[in-house]
C-alpha atoms as a PDB file:
ATOM      1  CA  MET A   1     -27.546 -64.486  78.508  1.00  0.00           C
ATOM      2  CA  ARG A   2     -28.506 -62.128  81.301  1.00  0.00           C
ATOM      3  CA  HIS A   3     -30.933 -59.908  79.453  1.00  0.00           C
ATOM      4  CA  ASN A   4     -33.438 -58.106  81.705  1.00  0.00           C
ATOM      5  CA  LYS A   5     -32.467 -59.995  84.861  1.00  0.00           C
ATOM      6  CA  ASN A   6     -32.401 -57.055  87.215  1.00  0.00           C
ATOM      7  CA  PHE A   7     -32.074 -58.655  90.664  1.00  0.00           C
ATOM      8  CA  ASN A   8     -31.103 -61.865  92.400  1.00  0.00           C
ATOM      9  CA  HIS A   9     -34.096 -64.039  93.278  1.00  0.00           C
ATOM     10  CA  LEU A  10     -32.063 -65.776  96.036  1.00  0.00           C
ATOM     11  CA  GLY A  11     -33.772 -69.112  95.317  1.00  0.00           C
ATOM     12  CA  ARG A  12     -37.057 -67.947  96.868  1.00  0.00           C
ATOM     13  CA  LYS A  13     -40.559 -66.993  95.811  1.00  0.00           C
ATOM     14  CA  LYS A  14     -41.505 -63.301  95.925  1.00  0.00           C
ATOM     15  CA  ALA A  15     -43.290 -63.347  99.292  1.00  0.00           C
ATOM     16  CA  HIS A  16     -40.456 -65.249 100.972  1.00  0.00           C
ATOM     17  CA  ARG A  17     -37.821 -62.970  99.411  1.00  0.00           C
ATOM     18  CA  ASP A  18     -39.670 -59.817 100.508  1.00  0.00           C
ATOM     19  CA  ALA A  19     -40.003 -61.116 104.055  1.00  0.00           C
ATOM     20  CA  LEU A  20     -36.314 -62.047 104.152  1.00  0.00           C
ATOM     21  CA  LEU A  21     -35.167 -58.633 102.902  1.00  0.00           C
ATOM     22  CA  ALA A  22     -37.550 -56.762 105.213  1.00  0.00           C
ATOM     23  CA  ASN A  23     -36.289 -58.701 108.254  1.00  0.00           C
ATOM     24  CA  MET A  24     -32.666 -58.177 107.250  1.00  0.00           C
ATOM     25  CA  THR A  25     -33.313 -54.445 106.779  1.00  0.00           C
ATOM     26  CA  ILE A  26     -34.859 -54.228 110.253  1.00  0.00           C
ATOM     27  CA  SER A  27     -31.821 -55.998 111.720  1.00  0.00           C
ATOM     28  CA  LEU A  28     -29.475 -53.671 109.836  1.00  0.00           C
ATOM     29  CA  ILE A  29     -31.303 -50.586 111.108  1.00  0.00           C
ATOM     30  CA  MET A  30     -31.455 -51.794 114.703  1.00  0.00           C
ATOM     31  CA  HIS A  31     -27.930 -53.261 114.990  1.00  0.00           C
ATOM     32  CA  LYS A  32     -26.121 -51.074 112.392  1.00  0.00           C
ATOM     33  CA  ARG A  33     -24.146 -54.118 111.187  1.00  0.00           C
ATOM     34  CA  ILE A  34     -25.030 -57.701 110.246  1.00  0.00           C
ATOM     35  CA  PHE A  35     -23.140 -60.724 108.930  1.00  0.00           C
ATOM     36  CA  THR A  36     -24.628 -62.578 105.960  1.00  0.00           C
ATOM     37  CA  THR A  37     -23.761 -64.081 102.588  1.00  0.00           C
ATOM     38  CA  LEU A  38     -22.503 -61.841  99.811  1.00  0.00           C
ATOM     39  CA  ALA A  39     -25.526 -62.491  97.556  1.00  0.00           C
ATOM     40  CA  LYS A  40     -27.988 -61.573 100.311  1.00  0.00           C
ATOM     41  CA  ALA A  41     -25.981 -58.463 101.209  1.00  0.00           C
ATOM     42  CA  LYS A  42     -26.046 -57.214  97.622  1.00  0.00           C
ATOM     43  CA  ALA A  43     -29.794 -57.827  97.419  1.00  0.00           C
ATOM     44  CA  LEU A  44     -30.243 -56.130 100.806  1.00  0.00           C
ATOM     45  CA  ARG A  45     -28.366 -53.043  99.616  1.00  0.00           C
ATOM     46  CA  MET A  46     -30.797 -52.628  96.712  1.00  0.00           C
ATOM     47  CA  TYR A  47     -33.739 -53.023  99.102  1.00  0.00           C
ATOM     48  CA  ALA A  48     -32.539 -50.944 102.063  1.00  0.00           C
ATOM     49  CA  GLU A  49     -30.880 -47.900 100.489  1.00  0.00           C
ATOM     50  CA  PRO A  50     -34.072 -46.429  98.953  1.00  0.00           C
ATOM     51  CA  LEU A  51     -35.790 -46.824 102.337  1.00  0.00           C
ATOM     52  CA  ILE A  52     -32.888 -45.119 104.109  1.00  0.00           C
ATOM     53  CA  ASN A  53     -32.985 -42.342 101.523  1.00  0.00           C
ATOM     54  CA  ARG A  54     -36.656 -41.720 102.368  1.00  0.00           C
ATOM     55  CA  ALA A  55     -35.669 -41.027 105.973  1.00  0.00           C
ATOM     56  CA  LYS A  56     -33.907 -37.793 104.978  1.00  0.00           C
ATOM     57  CA  GLU A  57     -37.261 -36.023 104.837  1.00  0.00           C
ATOM     58  CA  ASP A  58     -39.324 -36.788 107.937  1.00  0.00           C
ATOM     59  CA  SER A  59     -42.915 -36.592 106.722  1.00  0.00           C
ATOM     60  CA  MET A  60     -45.950 -38.691 107.520  1.00  0.00           C
ATOM     61  CA  ASN A  61     -46.069 -39.959 103.945  1.00  0.00           C
ATOM     62  CA  ASN A  62     -42.452 -41.142 104.029  1.00  0.00           C
ATOM     63  CA  ARG A  63     -42.976 -42.830 107.386  1.00  0.00           C
ATOM     64  CA  ARG A  64     -46.006 -44.678 106.029  1.00  0.00           C
ATOM     65  CA  LEU A  65     -44.170 -45.765 102.883  1.00  0.00           C
ATOM     66  CA  VAL A  66     -41.235 -47.123 104.885  1.00  0.00           C
ATOM     67  CA  PHE A  67     -43.577 -48.799 107.370  1.00  0.00           C
ATOM     68  CA  ALA A  68     -45.382 -50.503 104.465  1.00  0.00           C
ATOM     69  CA  TYR A  69     -42.107 -52.283 103.639  1.00  0.00           C
ATOM     70  CA  LEU A  70     -40.741 -52.960 107.131  1.00  0.00           C
ATOM     71  CA  GLN A  71     -43.850 -53.459 109.353  1.00  0.00           C
ATOM     72  CA  ASN A  72     -41.829 -52.602 112.483  1.00  0.00           C
ATOM     73  CA  LYS A  73     -42.493 -49.419 114.460  1.00  0.00           C
ATOM     74  CA  GLU A  74     -39.221 -49.493 116.395  1.00  0.00           C
ATOM     75  CA  ALA A  75     -37.136 -49.795 113.214  1.00  0.00           C
ATOM     76  CA  VAL A  76     -39.020 -46.948 111.522  1.00  0.00           C
ATOM     77  CA  THR A  77     -38.573 -44.741 114.591  1.00  0.00           C
ATOM     78  CA  GLU A  78     -34.851 -45.548 114.770  1.00  0.00           C
ATOM     79  CA  LEU A  79     -34.469 -44.848 111.059  1.00  0.00           C
ATOM     80  CA  PHE A  80     -36.203 -41.483 111.106  1.00  0.00           C
ATOM     81  CA  ARG A  81     -34.739 -40.246 114.429  1.00  0.00           C
ATOM     82  CA  GLU A  82     -31.170 -41.530 114.734  1.00  0.00           C
ATOM     83  CA  ILE A  83     -30.014 -42.613 111.297  1.00  0.00           C
ATOM     84  CA  SER A  84     -31.548 -39.724 109.344  1.00  0.00           C
ATOM     85  CA  THR A  85     -29.485 -37.174 111.304  1.00  0.00           C
ATOM     86  CA  LYS A  86     -26.231 -38.937 110.406  1.00  0.00           C
ATOM     87  CA  ILE A  87     -27.007 -39.394 106.707  1.00  0.00           C
ATOM     88  CA  ALA A  88     -28.516 -35.956 106.119  1.00  0.00           C
ATOM     89  CA  GLU A  89     -25.600 -34.640 104.042  1.00  0.00           C
ATOM     90  CA  ARG A  90     -24.758 -37.937 102.297  1.00  0.00           C
ATOM     91  CA  ASN A  91     -26.002 -38.306  98.707  1.00  0.00           C
ATOM     92  CA  GLY A  92     -26.109 -42.084  98.617  1.00  0.00           C
ATOM     93  CA  GLY A  93     -24.029 -45.103  99.498  1.00  0.00           C
ATOM     94  CA  TYR A  94     -25.443 -45.534 102.973  1.00  0.00           C
ATOM     95  CA  THR A  95     -24.197 -49.124 103.343  1.00  0.00           C
ATOM     96  CA  ARG A  96     -20.786 -50.751 103.071  1.00  0.00           C
ATOM     97  CA  ILE A  97     -20.099 -54.415 102.291  1.00  0.00           C
ATOM     98  CA  LEU A  98     -16.876 -55.897 103.693  1.00  0.00           C
ATOM     99  CA  LYS A  99     -16.016 -59.449 102.626  1.00  0.00           C
ATOM    100  CA  THR A 100     -15.012 -61.734 105.493  1.00  0.00           C
ATOM    101  CA  GLY A 101     -14.060 -64.967 103.726  1.00  0.00           C
ATOM    102  CA  ASN A 102     -15.868 -68.225 103.155  1.00  0.00           C
ATOM    103  CA  ARG A 103     -18.196 -70.106 105.505  1.00  0.00           C
ATOM    104  CA  LEU A 104     -16.777 -73.372 106.832  1.00  0.00           C
ATOM    105  CA  GLY A 105     -19.810 -75.581 106.187  1.00  0.00           C
ATOM    106  CA  ASP A 106     -20.647 -74.900 102.549  1.00  0.00           C
ATOM    107  CA  ASN A 107     -17.860 -72.495 101.498  1.00  0.00           C
ATOM    108  CA  ALA A 108     -20.367 -69.691 100.800  1.00  0.00           C
ATOM    109  CA  LYS A 109     -18.894 -66.216 100.449  1.00  0.00           C
ATOM    110  CA  MET A 110     -19.590 -64.337 103.677  1.00  0.00           C
ATOM    111  CA  CYS A 111     -19.538 -60.617 104.355  1.00  0.00           C
ATOM    112  CA  MET A 112     -20.485 -57.916 106.790  1.00  0.00           C
ATOM    113  CA  ILE A 113     -22.897 -55.195 105.688  1.00  0.00           C
ATOM    114  CA  GLU A 114     -22.992 -52.062 107.813  1.00  0.00           C
ATOM    115  CA  LEU A 115     -24.253 -48.514 107.808  1.00  0.00           C
ATOM    116  CA  VAL A 116     -21.379 -46.296 106.699  1.00  0.00           C
ATOM    117  CA  ASP A 117     -21.703 -43.529 109.295  1.00  0.00           C
ATOM    118  CA  TYR A 118     -21.738 -45.929 112.260  1.00  0.00           C
ATOM    119  CA  ASN A 119     -18.255 -47.469 112.013  1.00  0.00           C
ATOM    120  CA  GLU A 120     -16.264 -45.353 114.492  1.00  0.00           C
ATOM    121  CA  ASN A 121     -12.966 -47.146 113.786  1.00  0.00           C
ATOM    122  CA  LEU A 122     -12.960 -46.267 110.093  1.00  0.00           C
ATOM    123  CA  LEU A 123     -14.163 -42.727 110.802  1.00  0.00           C
ATOM    124  CA  LYS A 124     -11.229 -42.120 113.188  1.00  0.00           C
ATOM    125  CA  GLU A 125      -8.714 -43.483 110.661  1.00  0.00           C
ATOM    126  CA  LYS A 126     -10.203 -41.318 107.925  1.00  0.00           C
ATOM    127  CA  GLU A 127      -9.853 -38.160 110.046  1.00  0.00           C
ATOM    128  CA  ALA A 128      -6.237 -39.013 110.879  1.00  0.00           C
ATOM    129  CA  LYS A 129      -5.348 -39.536 107.208  1.00  0.00           C
ATOM    130  CA  LYS A 130      -6.842 -36.245 106.062  1.00  0.00           C
ATOM    131  CA  GLU A 131      -4.345 -34.177 108.052  1.00  0.00           C
ATOM    132  CA  GLY A 132      -1.232 -35.435 106.246  1.00  0.00           C
ATOM    133  CA  ARG A 133      -2.385 -35.297 102.640  1.00  0.00           C
ATOM    134  CA  THR A 134      -1.489 -32.604 100.156  1.00  0.00           C
ATOM    135  CA  ARG A 135      -2.312 -32.120  96.502  1.00  0.00           C
ATOM    136  CA  ARG A 136       1.245 -31.436  95.405  1.00  0.00           C
ATOM    137  CA  SER A 137       3.119 -33.496  92.873  1.00  0.00           C
ATOM    138  CA  ARG A 138       5.676 -36.008  94.039  1.00  0.00           C
ATOM    139  CA  ARG A 139       8.659 -34.295  92.444  1.00  0.00           C
ATOM    140  CA  GLY A 140       7.919 -30.917  93.979  1.00  0.00           C
ATOM    141  CA  GLY A 141       7.294 -32.472  97.370  1.00  0.00           C
ATOM    142  CA  GLN A 142      10.612 -34.342  97.390  1.00  0.00           C
ATOM    143  CA  LYS A 143      12.629 -31.288  96.379  1.00  0.00           C
ATOM    144  CA  ALA A 144      10.915 -29.123  98.946  1.00  0.00           C
ATOM    145  CA  THR A 145      11.448 -31.621 101.772  1.00  0.00           C
ATOM    146  CA  ALA A 146      15.091 -32.183 100.752  1.00  0.00           C
ATOM    147  CA  ALA A 147      15.700 -28.421 100.761  1.00  0.00           C
ATOM    148  CA  VAL A 148      14.175 -28.119 104.227  1.00  0.00           C
ATOM    149  CA  GLU A 149      16.047 -31.136 105.621  1.00  0.00           C
ATOM    150  CA  ALA A 150      19.499 -30.132 104.311  1.00  0.00           C
ATOM    151  CA  PRO A 151      19.897 -26.925 106.403  1.00  0.00           C
ATOM    152  CA  ALA A 152      18.476 -28.755 109.417  1.00  0.00           C
ATOM    153  CA  ALA A 153      21.147 -31.464 109.068  1.00  0.00           C
ATOM    154  CA  VAL A 154      23.933 -28.851 108.826  1.00  0.00           C
ATOM    155  CA  GLU A 155      22.666 -27.099 111.966  1.00  0.00           C
ATOM    156  CA  ALA A 156      22.510 -30.405 113.822  1.00  0.00           C
ATOM    157  CA  GLU A 157      26.155 -31.108 112.972  1.00  0.00           C
ATOM    158  CA  LYS A 158      27.210 -27.679 114.278  1.00  0.00           C
ATOM    159  CA  GLU A 159      25.459 -28.266 117.598  1.00  0.00           C
ATOM    160  CA  LEU A 160      27.154 -31.618 118.274  1.00  0.00           C
ATOM    161  CA  PRO A 161      30.493 -31.338 120.099  1.00  0.00           C
ATOM    162  CA  ALA A 162      33.567 -32.710 118.360  1.00  0.00           C
ATOM    163  CA  ALA A 163      34.254 -36.268 119.389  1.00  0.00           C
ATOM    164  CA  GLU A 164      37.584 -36.856 121.142  1.00  0.00           C
ATOM    165  CA  PRO A 165      39.805 -39.439 119.515  1.00  0.00           C
ATOM    166  CA  GLU A 166      40.089 -42.635 121.536  1.00  0.00           C
ATOM    167  CA  LYS A 167      43.481 -43.604 122.927  1.00  0.00           C
ATOM    168  CA  GLU A 168      44.614 -47.169 122.504  1.00  0.00           C
ATOM    169  CA  ALA A 169      46.322 -48.816 125.443  1.00  0.00           C
END
């Protein structure tokens, strides 16, 4: 039974686990994307997202609290200057986990964890998709497009010249 088992211990003692998660959080903040195992990524998400959420309000107290976890001035500066401006209007879900398959050596499930607002490829695709969507039902949309296409087809036929019959030799 899994009663009251709130987080994955990752096969490590508390000090080792905290150091691992702090280092992974620093790497995530500095590089915006890291590759790791699925279990570590899920544990990292629980560790990093509250720290990222603190960066929304740039106060001395929040900087000190985040620094107490990370112990890296460059990462704290990057978090409060660059990342906080991009996540200001987001209410949560600052990270995304994308599964990449299994590792060759031990067949461990691998994934990529990244900051959501820093993947330009997905942001461009999302903007392109938004333009074509409507909130109409399927039936109404098909009838409306068929009604628009029918007169256009009739006009196209009128514009084409009549084909001359071919003569056989």
